[in-house]
Amino acid sequence: MPQPMAERNAGRTGPMPDRPIFIVGAGRSGSTVFHRMFCEHPNVAWQSPLSDKFPAHPGLNRALLHMAHWPALGKFLTGYLRPGERYQFWDHYCRGFPRPCRDLLASDVTPVHRRRIPPALAQLATPSRRRVLIKITGWPRIGFLRELFPHAKFIHVYRDGRAVASSLLAVRFWRGWEGPPQWGFGKLDPLQQAEWDHHGRSFVALAGIQWKLLMLAMDKAVVNVPATDLMHVRYEDFIEDPVTTFRNVAEFCELDWRASFENSIRRKRLETANEKWRDHLSLEQQALLEEVLAESLQRYGYPPRR
């Protein structure tokens, strides 16, 4: 049963960030390049490596972003300004946030979270970069974040599951090699376990199951999120036309469209990496992966390509 608003706000103290923007989605979905390009908008603040190194002092991140406007320091600070996912920051304010075994829900928010997390994010903003932009991958965590930030905007970046699964197999941090439940997403449910067993406990199949699991978690997490607060960005459309994509994103986020931002987007040369899965997997592995993902690929607009 939902808590009354007065009870939900009872533990909330300190400033709230102005309509924070969260980029969410399964890892290896193209959200990194999307996030980095978005950070070039002059009105968004992001988390630099300082957020991980000094999580208890978010004001340092704000000071760094502020100094980036000074011509004499801008180039010198480039390496320190690198946007990214800052899970040491999140772990400082919410133990377990980086690697929960299931999605985080509104019911997981504690009074301590209400007191500490919103003011910390508010301190990331500068007078000109007043909209905080955060990237998180894996579990959506939307229920948890909406409970803390009821006026937040969420952008879900998603991609062809075949490309995602193939990419997972190639990165060193994928924990699927350890198998469920050690892989970080809890135990497989009976149907998922049966599917994995049917395919000989193939790691290709498990990577595909991970994509399906996270896409279903996203579907569940956004059921009650109004369209005004949720936007889906398809990786393939973004790569094909980044300017139009970001025009739509800016409108959704209630950000001004700036010529400088458009110019920074046009300077980027983007190429899709969606066909790499064909080169990285054998014909047998490709067929197995398409069998595992067949229904989900159709559901999300990715027809099989034989």
Protein backbone atom coordinates (compact mmCIF):
# COMPACT_ATOMS: atom_id res chain seq x y z
CA MET A 1 0.00 0.00 0.00
CA PRO A 2 1.51 3.39 -1.02
CA GLN A 3 2.54 5.66 1.84
CA PRO A 4 0.64 8.95 2.36
CA MET A 5 2.56 11.88 0.87
CA ALA A 6 3.14 13.44 4.31
CA GLU A 7 4.72 10.21 5.56
CA ARG A 8 6.83 9.80 2.42
CA ASN A 9 8.24 13.32 2.82
CA ALA A 10 8.75 13.05 6.59
CA GLY A 11 12.44 12.18 6.34
CA ARG A 12 13.24 14.57 3.49
CA THR A 13 15.51 17.48 4.37
CA GLY A 14 17.82 19.73 2.41
CA PRO A 15 17.69 20.95 -1.18
CA MET A 16 16.26 18.99 -4.10
CA PRO A 17 17.90 19.03 -7.55
CA ASP A 18 15.89 20.68 -10.32
CA ARG A 19 14.24 17.88 -12.34
CA PRO A 20 17.25 15.56 -12.54
CA ILE A 21 17.66 13.54 -15.73
CA PHE A 22 18.49 9.83 -15.52
CA ILE A 23 19.75 7.81 -18.47
CA VAL A 24 18.90 4.15 -17.85
CA GLY A 25 19.12 0.89 -19.79
CA ALA A 26 20.84 -2.45 -20.10
CA GLY A 27 24.63 -2.19 -20.32
CA ARG A 28 26.28 -2.30 -23.77
CA SER A 29 23.29 -0.49 -25.31
CA GLY A 30 25.08 2.63 -26.53
CA SER A 31 24.23 4.74 -23.51
CA THR A 32 27.88 5.77 -22.96
CA VAL A 33 28.24 7.67 -26.23
CA PHE A 34 24.72 9.07 -25.80
CA HIS A 35 25.58 10.26 -22.28
CA ARG A 36 28.89 11.84 -23.27
CA MET A 37 27.30 13.75 -26.14
CA PHE A 38 24.44 14.89 -23.91
CA CYS A 39 26.95 16.23 -21.37
CA GLU A 40 28.01 18.83 -23.93
CA HIS A 41 24.72 20.64 -23.45
CA PRO A 42 25.64 23.85 -21.56
CA ASN A 43 22.84 23.45 -19.00
CA VAL A 44 23.52 19.94 -17.69
CA ALA A 45 25.85 18.92 -14.87
CA TRP A 46 27.37 15.46 -14.76
CA GLN A 47 29.47 13.34 -12.44
CA SER A 48 33.20 13.52 -12.99
CA PRO A 49 35.72 11.04 -11.51
CA LEU A 50 35.75 13.28 -8.42
CA SER A 51 32.30 11.93 -7.55
CA ASP A 52 33.84 8.50 -7.06
CA LYS A 53 37.05 9.68 -5.42
CA PHE A 54 35.32 12.02 -2.97
CA PRO A 55 31.69 10.85 -2.78
CA ALA A 56 31.08 12.60 0.55
CA HIS A 57 31.99 15.95 -1.02
CA PRO A 58 29.83 16.46 -4.16
CA GLY A 59 30.61 20.16 -4.02
CA LEU A 60 34.06 19.34 -5.42
CA ASN A 61 32.40 18.05 -8.58
CA ARG A 62 30.40 21.29 -8.81
CA ALA A 63 33.56 23.36 -8.41
CA LEU A 64 35.29 21.36 -11.14
CA LEU A 65 32.42 21.90 -13.57
CA HIS A 66 32.42 25.59 -12.72
CA MET A 67 36.17 25.89 -13.43
CA ALA A 68 35.67 24.16 -16.79
CA HIS A 69 34.12 27.41 -18.04
CA TRP A 70 37.42 29.23 -17.56
CA PRO A 71 39.32 29.20 -20.90
CA ALA A 72 42.71 28.89 -19.21
CA LEU A 73 41.70 25.75 -17.31
CA GLY A 74 39.21 24.04 -19.63
CA LYS A 75 41.74 22.05 -21.67
CA PHE A 76 43.86 21.19 -18.64
CA LEU A 77 40.84 19.70 -16.84
CA THR A 78 39.60 17.55 -19.73
CA GLY A 79 40.69 14.23 -18.20
CA TYR A 80 39.19 15.09 -14.83
CA LEU A 81 35.86 16.05 -16.40
CA ARG A 82 35.19 12.69 -18.06
CA PRO A 83 31.49 11.78 -17.60
CA GLY A 84 30.65 8.28 -16.45
CA GLU A 85 28.73 6.01 -14.11
CA ARG A 86 29.90 6.75 -10.59
CA TYR A 87 28.94 3.76 -8.47
CA GLN A 88 31.31 4.52 -5.59
CA PHE A 89 29.32 7.74 -5.19
CA TRP A 90 26.06 5.80 -5.10
CA ASP A 91 27.44 3.16 -2.77
CA HIS A 92 28.40 5.89 -0.31
CA TYR A 93 24.79 7.05 -0.06
CA CYS A 94 23.03 3.71 -0.58
CA ARG A 95 24.88 0.50 0.16
CA GLY A 96 24.01 -2.05 -2.47
CA PHE A 97 22.90 0.43 -5.13
CA PRO A 98 25.67 -0.54 -7.58
CA ARG A 99 24.95 -4.30 -7.66
CA PRO A 100 21.57 -5.31 -6.27
CA CYS A 101 20.42 -8.86 -7.03
CA ARG A 102 17.05 -7.46 -8.19
CA ASP A 103 15.65 -4.12 -9.28
CA LEU A 104 15.45 -1.40 -6.63
CA LEU A 105 11.90 -0.30 -5.85
CA ALA A 106 10.18 2.59 -4.11
CA SER A 107 9.77 0.34 -1.07
CA ASP A 108 13.58 0.09 -0.76
CA VAL A 109 13.92 3.80 0.00
CA THR A 110 14.71 4.51 3.65
CA PRO A 111 14.50 7.78 5.62
CA VAL A 112 18.30 7.92 5.48
CA HIS A 113 18.20 7.80 1.68
CA ARG A 114 15.64 10.63 1.66
CA ARG A 115 17.85 12.79 3.85
CA ARG A 116 21.14 12.16 2.08
CA ILE A 117 20.71 11.45 -1.62
CA PRO A 118 18.68 14.44 -2.93
CA PRO A 119 20.93 17.07 -1.29
CA ALA A 120 24.02 15.27 -2.61
CA LEU A 121 22.72 15.40 -6.18
CA ALA A 122 21.64 19.00 -5.74
CA GLN A 123 25.24 19.92 -4.88
CA LEU A 124 26.42 18.66 -8.27
CA ALA A 125 24.67 21.50 -10.11
CA THR A 126 26.21 24.89 -10.93
CA PRO A 127 24.39 28.17 -11.59
CA SER A 128 24.56 27.57 -15.35
CA ARG A 129 24.53 23.76 -15.32
CA ARG A 130 21.46 23.47 -13.12
CA ARG A 131 20.09 20.17 -14.48
CA VAL A 132 21.89 17.13 -13.08
CA LEU A 133 22.39 14.33 -15.63
CA ILE A 134 23.07 10.84 -14.27
CA LYS A 135 23.75 7.60 -16.17
CA ILE A 136 22.92 4.21 -14.64
CA THR A 137 22.92 0.83 -16.35
CA GLY A 138 21.75 -2.64 -15.38
CA TRP A 139 18.59 -2.77 -13.29
CA PRO A 140 16.37 0.25 -14.05
CA ARG A 141 16.06 1.39 -10.39
CA ILE A 142 13.34 3.75 -11.62
CA GLY A 143 10.95 2.98 -8.77
CA PHE A 144 13.66 3.80 -6.23
CA LEU A 145 14.71 7.00 -8.01
CA ARG A 146 11.17 8.28 -8.59
CA GLU A 147 10.45 7.87 -4.91
CA LEU A 148 13.36 10.21 -4.18
CA PHE A 149 12.91 12.49 -7.19
CA PRO A 150 9.22 12.69 -8.14
CA HIS A 151 9.91 15.26 -10.86
CA ALA A 152 12.80 13.41 -12.49
CA LYS A 153 13.02 12.70 -16.22
CA PHE A 154 14.03 9.21 -17.39
CA ILE A 155 15.57 8.37 -20.77
CA HIS A 156 15.71 4.68 -21.60
CA VAL A 157 18.38 3.86 -24.21
CA TYR A 158 17.92 0.43 -25.75
CA ARG A 159 19.51 -1.59 -28.54
CA ASP A 160 19.22 -4.81 -30.56
CA GLY A 161 19.59 -7.63 -28.02
CA ARG A 162 21.88 -9.63 -30.32
CA ALA A 163 24.43 -6.82 -30.33
CA VAL A 164 24.08 -6.39 -26.56
CA ALA A 165 24.56 -10.10 -25.83
CA SER A 166 27.60 -10.37 -28.10
CA SER A 167 29.13 -7.28 -26.50
CA LEU A 168 28.59 -8.67 -22.99
CA LEU A 169 30.59 -11.75 -23.91
CA ALA A 170 33.52 -9.56 -24.95
CA VAL A 171 33.88 -7.30 -21.89
CA ARG A 172 35.96 -8.24 -18.86
CA PHE A 173 33.37 -7.13 -16.30
CA TRP A 174 30.57 -9.46 -17.43
CA ARG A 175 29.91 -11.81 -14.53
CA GLY A 176 27.84 -14.31 -16.50
CA TRP A 177 30.86 -16.61 -16.65
CA GLU A 178 30.26 -17.25 -12.94
CA GLY A 179 26.71 -18.32 -13.69
CA PRO A 180 23.53 -17.49 -11.80
CA PRO A 181 23.13 -16.44 -9.05
CA GLN A 182 26.73 -15.17 -8.84
CA TRP A 183 26.31 -13.16 -12.05
CA GLY A 184 24.68 -10.28 -10.16
CA PHE A 185 21.05 -10.69 -11.25
CA GLY A 186 19.92 -13.33 -8.78
CA LYS A 187 18.67 -16.82 -9.56
CA LEU A 188 16.97 -17.57 -12.85
CA ASP A 189 13.26 -18.23 -12.54
CA PRO A 190 12.09 -21.76 -13.51
CA LEU A 191 11.34 -20.80 -17.14
CA GLN A 192 14.66 -19.02 -17.57
CA GLN A 193 16.52 -21.91 -15.96
CA ALA A 194 14.76 -24.39 -18.25
CA GLU A 195 15.66 -22.27 -21.28
CA TRP A 196 19.30 -22.07 -20.24
CA ASP A 197 19.42 -25.82 -19.58
CA HIS A 198 17.77 -26.49 -22.95
CA HIS A 199 20.64 -24.69 -24.66
CA GLY A 200 23.29 -26.63 -22.75
CA ARG A 201 23.94 -23.76 -20.34
CA SER A 202 25.50 -21.84 -23.19
CA PHE A 203 27.03 -18.52 -22.20
CA VAL A 204 25.73 -17.05 -25.46
CA ALA A 205 22.24 -18.05 -24.36
CA LEU A 206 22.83 -16.61 -20.87
CA ALA A 207 23.90 -13.25 -22.29
CA GLY A 208 20.69 -13.20 -24.33
CA ILE A 209 18.64 -14.11 -21.26
CA GLN A 210 20.26 -11.22 -19.38
CA TRP A 211 19.10 -8.75 -22.05
CA LYS A 212 15.57 -10.16 -21.93
CA LEU A 213 15.55 -10.05 -18.13
CA LEU A 214 16.59 -6.40 -18.03
CA MET A 215 14.17 -5.35 -20.78
CA LEU A 216 11.31 -7.01 -18.90
CA ALA A 217 12.42 -5.30 -15.69
CA MET A 218 12.33 -1.99 -17.55
CA ASP A 219 8.82 -2.70 -18.87
CA LYS A 220 7.68 -3.39 -15.32
CA ALA A 221 9.46 -0.36 -13.85
CA VAL A 222 7.87 2.16 -16.24
CA VAL A 223 4.26 0.95 -16.04
CA ASN A 224 3.18 3.87 -13.86
CA VAL A 225 5.61 6.49 -15.18
CA PRO A 226 3.75 9.20 -17.14
CA ALA A 227 4.81 9.89 -20.71
CA THR A 228 5.87 13.38 -19.65
CA ASP A 229 8.63 11.84 -17.52
CA LEU A 230 9.73 8.92 -19.72
CA MET A 231 11.41 8.80 -23.13
CA HIS A 232 12.65 5.76 -25.04
CA VAL A 233 15.66 6.27 -27.32
CA ARG A 234 16.47 3.51 -29.78
CA TYR A 235 20.22 3.24 -30.30
CA GLU A 236 19.88 2.63 -34.02
CA ASP A 237 17.77 5.78 -34.55
CA PHE A 238 20.19 7.83 -32.44
CA ILE A 239 23.19 6.70 -34.49
CA GLU A 240 21.39 7.38 -37.77
CA ASP A 241 20.22 10.89 -36.86
CA PRO A 242 21.78 12.22 -33.63
CA VAL A 243 20.70 15.82 -34.21
CA THR A 244 17.01 14.96 -34.47
CA THR A 245 17.34 12.58 -31.53
CA PHE A 246 18.83 15.26 -29.31
CA ARG A 247 16.32 17.87 -30.45
CA ASN A 248 13.62 15.52 -29.18
CA VAL A 249 15.58 14.84 -26.02
CA ALA A 250 16.06 18.55 -25.30
CA GLU A 251 12.34 19.18 -25.77
CA PHE A 252 11.46 16.25 -23.51
CA CYS A 253 13.87 17.45 -20.81
CA GLU A 254 12.71 21.09 -21.13
CA LEU A 255 16.15 22.28 -22.13
CA ASP A 256 16.83 25.08 -24.60
CA TRP A 257 18.20 24.09 -27.98
CA ARG A 258 21.60 25.76 -28.38
CA ALA A 259 23.59 26.24 -31.57
CA SER A 260 26.76 25.29 -29.70
CA PHE A 261 25.18 22.01 -28.65
CA GLU A 262 24.05 21.22 -32.20
CA ASN A 263 27.53 21.99 -33.51
CA SER A 264 29.11 19.63 -30.96
CA ILE A 265 26.71 16.87 -32.06
CA ARG A 266 27.48 17.42 -35.75
CA ARG A 267 31.21 17.16 -35.10
CA LYS A 268 30.82 13.58 -33.89
CA ARG A 269 31.19 10.79 -36.45
CA LEU A 270 29.00 7.96 -35.27
CA GLU A 271 29.02 4.47 -36.72
CA THR A 272 26.77 1.63 -35.68
CA ALA A 273 28.41 -1.43 -34.17
CA ASN A 274 25.25 -3.52 -34.46
CA GLU A 275 26.59 -6.02 -36.99
CA LYS A 276 29.66 -6.99 -34.98
CA TRP A 277 27.73 -9.83 -33.38
CA ARG A 278 27.77 -11.64 -36.72
CA ASP A 279 31.57 -11.46 -36.86
CA HIS A 280 32.05 -12.34 -33.20
CA LEU A 281 29.75 -15.38 -33.07
CA SER A 282 29.79 -18.59 -35.12
CA LEU A 283 26.80 -19.42 -37.31
CA GLU A 284 25.66 -21.95 -34.71
CA GLN A 285 25.93 -19.38 -31.92
CA GLN A 286 24.08 -16.80 -34.00
CA ALA A 287 21.22 -19.24 -34.58
CA LEU A 288 21.11 -20.13 -30.89
CA LEU A 289 21.02 -16.46 -29.86
CA GLU A 290 18.23 -15.65 -32.31
CA GLU A 291 16.23 -18.59 -30.98
CA VAL A 292 16.63 -17.34 -27.42
CA LEU A 293 15.69 -13.78 -28.36
CA ALA A 294 13.13 -14.37 -31.13
CA GLU A 295 10.00 -13.24 -29.27
CA SER A 296 11.70 -10.31 -27.53
CA LEU A 297 13.35 -9.07 -30.72
CA GLN A 298 9.94 -8.87 -32.39
CA ARG A 299 8.45 -7.18 -29.35
CA TYR A 300 11.02 -4.39 -29.37
CA GLY A 301 11.07 -3.91 -33.12
CA TYR A 302 14.02 -6.04 -34.18
CA PRO A 303 12.92 -8.67 -36.72
CA PRO A 304 15.13 -11.74 -37.21
CA ARG A 305 17.76 -11.36 -39.94
CA ARG A 306 18.83 -14.64 -41.44
